[in-house]
Amino acid sequence: MRNGVASLLLLVLGACAGDSGTTDPTALQTFEFGPYELAPGEEVTKNCVQISLHNDEFLYVNSVELTTGPGFHHSNWFWVPESTFAGEDGTFVCDDRNFNEPAAAIFGGVLFAQSTQAPHEVQAFPEGVVIKIPRNAKIVTQIHLLNPTDEAMTVTPKIAIKPILESSVTTTLAGISFQDKALALPPNMQSKFTVECDIGSRHQAVFGRAPDFKIYYALAHYHELGTRLTVEAVKPTGEAATVYSTEDNVGDVLGGPIDPLFSMVGYTKLRMSCEFFNPTTKVVGWGVGDQEMCVFLAFSDSQYNFGGGVLEEGPPENPMMVGNTMTYTNGCTVFANDASR
């Protein structure tokens, strides 16, 4: 990544009300960042982006739009307080500010998740349904850039948020985020990796009742070897129902609204399974480049953000051959924090 790596051009497109010059609180806010110069075959995975929103009031975001074009592989966006990961706006080395996604989710919340290599994507909720961003917040992400061509390219991405008035809000959403880092795709074989996460116990401890929230939107993240991601809700009896499943390819939009909404009433666990086909002669693990990932992001109307999975890289457990697929299951760590703060 060449000149301009630390630059951030903010372009806020807003409307004004009357002659008073008062900014329209529902105007689309667009932020350009970069540009990034990528050499042929260059891959960038250790940089992050920060954009301060300079919002003196709460923002009630009904939709988010990301436009990237070729060369922008993936990004997950979070809102956090201005004091978190402190530093200037622009592009920075993630490790310099100890940035990581679980920390961003704990200190703030999920804003937007990009499908792998999707050049343009809109995350839109039903009318009146929003992500609530507190005062004096900023948005942050770790960017993954990849130029697979033999020619140099320039990437000029932009992200836009569309807020609505507080009086128009009917539902405030919280994030759900699970990942499985215990990946070791066997060579020349189909494989499946599963984690089953008990959110019922945590929900009971926090609210004094079983899960009763609804899931509104979901997105999968995997790389070129991924063939499917499925999330199921599981009852105490073991009965399961599919919440979300995808068989789309990398480059397709892998996220979208859950229609009809999925109610967690009667269910206590979420089970995430990622399936892969590895045509190579080498074991493929968790990571970037020619490695793989297994990530599920969603939004619910719970008062709490829920997350977890297998959060540290390590070997997959409980191998079992089922038909022509090698399957693995690992234990799940679950965390939760108050999304209404």
Protein backbone atom coordinates (compact mmCIF):
# COMPACT_ATOMS: atom_id res chain seq x y z
CA MET A 1 0.00 0.00 0.00
CA ARG A 2 1.69 3.19 -1.19
CA ASN A 3 1.16 6.92 -0.72
CA GLY A 4 -2.07 7.95 0.94
CA VAL A 5 -2.18 5.07 3.41
CA ALA A 6 -2.75 7.44 6.32
CA SER A 7 -5.10 9.79 4.57
CA LEU A 8 -8.79 10.05 5.24
CA LEU A 9 -11.03 12.27 3.18
CA LEU A 10 -14.33 12.89 4.91
CA LEU A 11 -17.16 14.01 2.70
CA VAL A 12 -20.39 14.55 4.57
CA LEU A 13 -23.34 14.97 2.27
CA GLY A 14 -26.12 16.66 4.23
CA ALA A 15 -29.17 18.73 3.55
CA CYS A 16 -29.97 21.99 5.30
CA ALA A 17 -33.34 22.96 6.68
CA GLY A 18 -34.58 26.35 5.45
CA ASP A 19 -32.36 29.43 5.61
CA SER A 20 -31.17 28.78 9.15
CA GLY A 21 -28.34 26.53 7.99
CA THR A 22 -29.41 23.84 10.48
CA THR A 23 -28.14 20.44 9.38
CA ASP A 24 -30.83 17.90 8.58
CA PRO A 25 -30.47 15.14 11.24
CA THR A 26 -31.80 12.56 8.77
CA ALA A 27 -29.41 13.46 5.93
CA LEU A 28 -27.23 10.74 4.45
CA GLN A 29 -23.71 11.00 5.87
CA THR A 30 -21.00 9.75 3.51
CA PHE A 31 -17.36 9.25 4.45
CA GLU A 32 -14.61 8.56 1.93
CA PHE A 33 -11.38 6.96 3.16
CA GLY A 34 -8.09 6.05 1.53
CA PRO A 35 -7.18 6.10 -1.30
CA TYR A 36 -5.07 2.92 -1.29
CA GLU A 37 -2.52 2.07 -3.97
CA LEU A 38 -2.07 -1.69 -4.40
CA ALA A 39 0.75 -3.26 -6.37
CA PRO A 40 0.07 -6.39 -8.46
CA GLY A 41 -0.59 -9.30 -6.11
CA GLU A 42 -0.32 -7.12 -2.98
CA GLU A 43 -2.32 -8.04 0.13
CA VAL A 44 -2.82 -5.76 3.16
CA THR A 45 -4.30 -7.18 6.38
CA LYS A 46 -2.87 -5.26 9.34
CA ASN A 47 -4.37 -1.80 8.83
CA CYS A 48 -7.45 -0.25 10.39
CA VAL A 49 -9.57 2.83 9.65
CA GLN A 50 -11.09 5.31 12.10
CA ILE A 51 -13.77 7.88 11.25
CA SER A 52 -15.04 10.24 13.96
CA LEU A 53 -18.75 11.02 13.62
CA HIS A 54 -18.62 14.31 15.63
CA ASN A 55 -22.17 13.61 16.77
CA ASP A 56 -23.37 15.74 19.66
CA GLU A 57 -26.61 13.77 19.75
CA PHE A 58 -27.51 10.11 19.45
CA LEU A 59 -27.65 8.70 15.93
CA TYR A 60 -30.39 6.23 15.00
CA VAL A 61 -29.02 4.46 11.94
CA ASN A 62 -31.55 2.72 9.71
CA SER A 63 -29.19 1.74 6.86
CA VAL A 64 -25.50 1.52 6.00
CA GLU A 65 -24.02 1.46 2.49
CA LEU A 66 -20.45 0.46 1.65
CA THR A 67 -18.97 1.04 -1.81
CA THR A 68 -15.46 -0.31 -2.39
CA GLY A 69 -14.84 -1.68 -5.87
CA PRO A 70 -12.18 -4.28 -6.76
CA GLY A 71 -9.29 -4.77 -4.36
CA PHE A 72 -11.26 -4.37 -1.14
CA HIS A 73 -11.61 -7.90 0.25
CA HIS A 74 -13.48 -7.52 3.51
CA SER A 75 -14.28 -5.34 6.53
CA ASN A 76 -16.45 -5.42 9.66
CA TRP A 77 -17.42 -2.02 11.05
CA PHE A 78 -18.04 -1.09 14.69
CA TRP A 79 -19.01 2.03 16.58
CA VAL A 80 -17.02 2.84 19.74
CA PRO A 81 -16.63 5.86 22.04
CA GLU A 82 -14.14 8.47 20.81
CA SER A 83 -11.71 7.56 23.61
CA THR A 84 -11.48 3.89 22.57
CA PHE A 85 -8.47 2.97 20.39
CA ALA A 86 -7.40 6.59 20.82
CA GLY A 87 -5.69 8.33 17.92
CA GLU A 88 -6.22 10.47 14.87
CA ASP A 89 -8.74 9.70 12.16
CA GLY A 90 -7.49 7.88 9.11
CA THR A 91 -5.69 4.63 8.41
CA PHE A 92 -3.45 3.18 11.13
CA VAL A 93 -1.72 -0.07 12.05
CA CYS A 94 -4.26 -2.02 14.12
CA ASP A 95 -1.71 -3.31 16.63
CA ASP A 96 -0.52 0.22 17.39
CA ARG A 97 -3.86 0.86 19.14
CA ASN A 98 -4.51 -2.73 20.28
CA PHE A 99 -7.52 -2.95 17.99
CA ASN A 100 -9.41 -6.22 17.70
CA GLU A 101 -13.00 -6.99 16.83
CA PRO A 102 -14.08 -8.61 20.14
CA ALA A 103 -12.83 -5.52 22.01
CA ALA A 104 -14.68 -3.22 19.60
CA ALA A 105 -17.88 -5.21 20.15
CA ILE A 106 -17.49 -5.06 23.94
CA PHE A 107 -16.69 -1.31 24.16
CA GLY A 108 -19.18 -0.34 21.45
CA GLY A 109 -21.26 -2.35 19.01
CA VAL A 110 -21.55 -3.80 15.53
CA LEU A 111 -22.46 -1.32 12.78
CA PHE A 112 -22.00 -3.16 9.48
CA ALA A 113 -20.55 -6.38 8.10
CA GLN A 114 -19.30 -6.60 4.52
CA SER A 115 -19.67 -9.74 2.44
CA THR A 116 -16.33 -11.07 1.23
CA GLN A 117 -15.17 -9.15 -1.87
CA ALA A 118 -18.61 -7.60 -2.41
CA PRO A 119 -17.88 -4.28 -4.21
CA HIS A 120 -21.14 -2.66 -3.12
CA GLU A 121 -23.52 -3.59 -0.34
CA VAL A 122 -26.46 -2.03 1.50
CA GLN A 123 -27.48 -3.14 4.98
CA ALA A 124 -31.03 -1.85 5.40
CA PHE A 125 -33.47 -2.53 8.21
CA PRO A 126 -37.28 -2.21 8.15
CA GLU A 127 -38.81 1.20 8.69
CA GLY A 128 -38.24 2.41 12.25
CA VAL A 129 -35.62 -0.25 13.07
CA VAL A 130 -32.20 1.16 13.95
CA ILE A 131 -28.74 0.76 15.40
CA LYS A 132 -28.37 3.36 18.17
CA ILE A 133 -25.00 5.13 18.26
CA PRO A 134 -24.28 7.21 21.40
CA ARG A 135 -22.97 10.76 21.43
CA ASN A 136 -19.31 11.43 20.61
CA ALA A 137 -18.72 8.16 18.80
CA LYS A 138 -16.53 7.01 15.96
CA ILE A 139 -16.63 4.06 13.58
CA VAL A 140 -13.68 1.71 13.19
CA THR A 141 -12.78 -1.32 11.09
CA GLN A 142 -9.90 -3.56 10.16
CA ILE A 143 -9.51 -3.57 6.39
CA HIS A 144 -8.40 -6.48 4.23
CA LEU A 145 -7.16 -5.35 0.81
CA LEU A 146 -6.17 -7.75 -1.96
CA ASN A 147 -5.09 -7.10 -5.55
CA PRO A 148 -5.27 -10.47 -7.33
CA THR A 149 -4.41 -8.98 -10.74
CA ASP A 150 -1.17 -8.32 -12.62
CA GLU A 151 -1.85 -4.59 -12.74
CA ALA A 152 -1.58 -1.90 -10.07
CA MET A 153 -4.91 -0.57 -8.78
CA THR A 154 -6.24 2.30 -6.70
CA VAL A 155 -9.02 1.66 -4.19
CA THR A 156 -11.21 4.62 -3.17
CA PRO A 157 -13.87 3.26 -0.80
CA LYS A 158 -16.65 5.10 0.99
CA ILE A 159 -19.19 4.27 3.69
CA ALA A 160 -22.53 6.01 4.23
CA ILE A 161 -24.96 5.94 7.15
CA LYS A 162 -28.62 6.99 7.05
CA PRO A 163 -30.05 8.10 10.40
CA ILE A 164 -33.71 8.70 11.21
CA LEU A 165 -35.38 10.83 13.88
CA GLU A 166 -35.69 9.39 17.39
CA SER A 167 -39.44 9.95 17.15
CA SER A 168 -39.53 7.54 14.19
CA VAL A 169 -37.72 4.72 16.01
CA THR A 170 -39.77 1.61 16.77
CA THR A 171 -37.01 -0.94 17.48
CA THR A 172 -33.36 -0.68 18.54
CA LEU A 173 -31.05 -3.51 17.51
CA ALA A 174 -28.11 -5.21 19.21
CA GLY A 175 -25.36 -7.31 17.67
CA ILE A 176 -24.75 -11.05 17.58
CA SER A 177 -21.24 -12.17 16.66
CA PHE A 178 -19.84 -15.72 16.64
CA GLN A 179 -16.68 -17.13 15.13
CA ASP A 180 -14.86 -20.46 15.05
CA LYS A 181 -11.08 -20.14 14.93
CA ALA A 182 -10.53 -23.89 15.39
CA LEU A 183 -10.14 -24.55 11.67
CA ALA A 184 -7.93 -27.19 10.06
CA LEU A 185 -9.40 -28.10 6.68
CA PRO A 186 -8.12 -31.56 5.70
CA PRO A 187 -6.65 -31.78 2.18
CA ASN A 188 -8.68 -33.02 -0.78
CA MET A 189 -11.82 -33.31 1.30
CA GLN A 190 -15.12 -31.77 2.33
CA SER A 191 -15.18 -30.67 6.00
CA LYS A 192 -17.62 -29.17 8.49
CA PHE A 193 -16.84 -27.23 11.70
CA THR A 194 -19.53 -26.68 14.34
CA VAL A 195 -19.87 -24.76 17.59
CA GLU A 196 -23.02 -24.86 19.72
CA CYS A 197 -23.40 -21.82 21.98
CA ASP A 198 -25.66 -21.75 25.04
CA ILE A 199 -27.08 -18.25 25.17
CA GLY A 200 -30.05 -19.35 27.29
CA SER A 201 -28.05 -19.55 30.52
CA ARG A 202 -26.61 -16.08 30.01
CA HIS A 203 -30.01 -14.65 29.06
CA GLN A 204 -31.58 -16.22 32.17
CA ALA A 205 -28.87 -14.76 34.37
CA VAL A 206 -29.26 -11.26 32.93
CA PHE A 207 -33.02 -11.01 32.45
CA GLY A 208 -34.42 -13.75 34.68
CA ARG A 209 -36.11 -15.38 31.72
CA ALA A 210 -35.41 -17.54 28.68
CA PRO A 211 -34.44 -15.91 25.33
CA ASP A 212 -37.36 -14.05 23.79
CA PHE A 213 -35.73 -11.78 21.20
CA LYS A 214 -36.07 -11.81 17.42
CA ILE A 215 -33.29 -11.91 14.82
CA TYR A 216 -33.61 -9.32 12.02
CA TYR A 217 -30.51 -9.54 9.84
CA ALA A 218 -27.62 -11.98 9.32
CA LEU A 219 -24.35 -12.25 7.43
CA ALA A 220 -21.77 -14.99 6.83
CA HIS A 221 -18.04 -14.59 6.30
CA TYR A 222 -15.76 -17.20 4.78
CA HIS A 223 -13.19 -17.29 1.96
CA GLU A 224 -12.81 -19.07 -1.36
CA LEU A 225 -13.00 -22.61 0.06
CA GLY A 226 -16.26 -22.00 1.93
CA THR A 227 -19.32 -23.80 0.56
CA ARG A 228 -21.95 -23.05 3.22
CA LEU A 229 -22.60 -21.44 6.59
CA THR A 230 -25.65 -22.44 8.59
CA VAL A 231 -26.96 -21.10 11.89
CA GLU A 232 -29.59 -23.06 13.77
CA ALA A 233 -31.54 -22.33 16.92
CA VAL A 234 -31.67 -25.33 19.27
CA LYS A 235 -34.31 -26.16 21.89
CA PRO A 236 -33.50 -27.85 25.22
CA THR A 237 -34.98 -31.03 23.72
CA GLY A 238 -32.41 -30.93 20.90
CA GLU A 239 -34.93 -29.93 18.23
CA ALA A 240 -33.39 -27.40 15.83
CA ALA A 241 -34.63 -24.84 13.31
CA THR A 242 -32.61 -23.00 10.67
CA VAL A 243 -32.17 -19.29 11.35
CA TYR A 244 -29.92 -18.52 8.37
CA SER A 245 -28.05 -20.42 5.69
CA THR A 246 -26.05 -19.50 2.62
CA GLU A 247 -24.46 -21.31 -0.27
CA ASP A 248 -23.46 -18.18 -2.18
CA ASN A 249 -19.95 -17.73 -3.51
CA VAL A 250 -17.28 -15.27 -2.43
CA GLY A 251 -18.03 -11.95 -4.14
CA ASP A 252 -21.77 -12.40 -3.74
CA VAL A 253 -23.68 -10.52 -1.06
CA LEU A 254 -23.81 -12.98 1.87
CA GLY A 255 -25.99 -10.89 4.15
CA GLY A 256 -29.61 -9.91 4.24
CA PRO A 257 -32.77 -9.50 6.31
CA ILE A 258 -34.33 -12.50 8.06
CA ASP A 259 -37.83 -12.64 6.59
CA PRO A 260 -39.92 -13.58 8.45
CA LEU A 261 -38.13 -12.54 11.63
CA PHE A 262 -36.81 -15.47 13.62
CA SER A 263 -38.07 -15.64 17.21
CA MET A 264 -35.80 -17.26 19.80
CA VAL A 265 -38.78 -18.09 22.04
CA GLY A 266 -38.42 -21.74 23.05
CA TYR A 267 -34.76 -21.93 21.95
CA THR A 268 -31.72 -21.73 24.22
CA LYS A 269 -28.72 -22.28 21.90
CA LEU A 270 -27.32 -21.07 18.60
CA ARG A 271 -25.43 -23.65 16.53
CA MET A 272 -23.07 -22.37 13.80
CA SER A 273 -21.64 -24.72 11.16
CA CYS A 274 -19.19 -23.79 8.42
CA GLU A 275 -18.57 -26.16 5.51
CA PHE A 276 -15.56 -26.15 3.19
CA PHE A 277 -14.01 -28.08 0.33
CA ASN A 278 -10.21 -28.04 0.31
CA PRO A 279 -8.87 -29.15 -3.11
CA THR A 280 -5.24 -28.64 -2.11
CA THR A 281 -2.71 -31.06 -0.64
CA LYS A 282 -2.18 -28.91 2.48
CA VAL A 283 -4.17 -28.40 5.66
CA VAL A 284 -5.81 -24.95 5.65
CA GLY A 285 -6.25 -23.11 8.95
CA TRP A 286 -7.70 -19.85 10.24
CA GLY A 287 -6.35 -16.65 8.68
CA VAL A 288 -6.07 -14.44 5.63
CA GLY A 289 -4.47 -15.06 2.24
CA ASP A 290 -5.00 -18.72 1.33
CA GLN A 291 -6.39 -19.53 4.80
CA GLU A 292 -10.07 -19.59 5.85
CA MET A 293 -12.52 -18.03 8.30
CA CYS A 294 -15.86 -18.98 9.84
CA VAL A 295 -17.82 -15.96 11.13
CA PHE A 296 -21.50 -15.20 11.69
CA LEU A 297 -22.81 -11.68 12.39
CA ALA A 298 -26.42 -10.72 13.02
CA PHE A 299 -28.71 -8.13 14.59
CA SER A 300 -31.50 -8.79 17.09
CA ASP A 301 -33.95 -6.73 19.15
CA SER A 302 -32.39 -7.96 22.39
CA GLN A 303 -31.24 -5.40 24.95
CA TYR A 304 -27.87 -7.19 24.97
CA ASN A 305 -25.13 -7.88 22.46
CA PHE A 306 -24.25 -11.59 22.34
CA GLY A 307 -21.03 -13.04 21.00
CA GLY A 308 -18.46 -15.76 21.34
CA GLY A 309 -17.52 -19.06 19.75
CA VAL A 310 -13.96 -20.39 19.57
CA LEU A 311 -12.00 -17.19 20.09
CA GLU A 312 -8.45 -18.55 20.01
CA GLU A 313 -6.76 -20.43 17.20
CA GLY A 314 -6.31 -24.11 17.97
CA PRO A 315 -7.03 -27.60 16.68
CA PRO A 316 -10.60 -28.64 15.91
CA GLU A 317 -11.95 -31.32 18.23
CA ASN A 318 -14.07 -34.47 18.05
CA PRO A 319 -13.32 -35.49 14.45
CA MET A 320 -15.88 -37.80 12.91
CA MET A 321 -16.36 -38.94 9.32
CA VAL A 322 -19.98 -38.49 8.21
CA GLY A 323 -20.47 -39.73 4.64
CA ASN A 324 -17.76 -38.01 2.61
CA THR A 325 -17.37 -35.11 5.10
CA MET A 326 -14.96 -34.86 8.02
CA THR A 327 -16.84 -33.12 10.84
CA TYR A 328 -15.54 -31.38 13.97
CA THR A 329 -17.24 -29.88 17.02
CA ASN A 330 -15.73 -27.50 19.59
CA GLY A 331 -16.98 -25.96 22.80
CA CYS A 332 -18.26 -22.39 22.75
CA THR A 333 -17.47 -19.38 24.93
CA VAL A 334 -20.37 -16.92 25.25
CA PHE A 335 -20.18 -13.27 26.32
CA ALA A 336 -22.84 -10.55 26.54
CA ASN A 337 -22.94 -6.83 27.22
CA ASP A 338 -25.62 -4.20 27.57
CA ALA A 339 -26.46 -2.69 24.18
CA SER A 340 -28.65 0.06 25.65
CA ARG A 341 -25.80 1.86 27.45
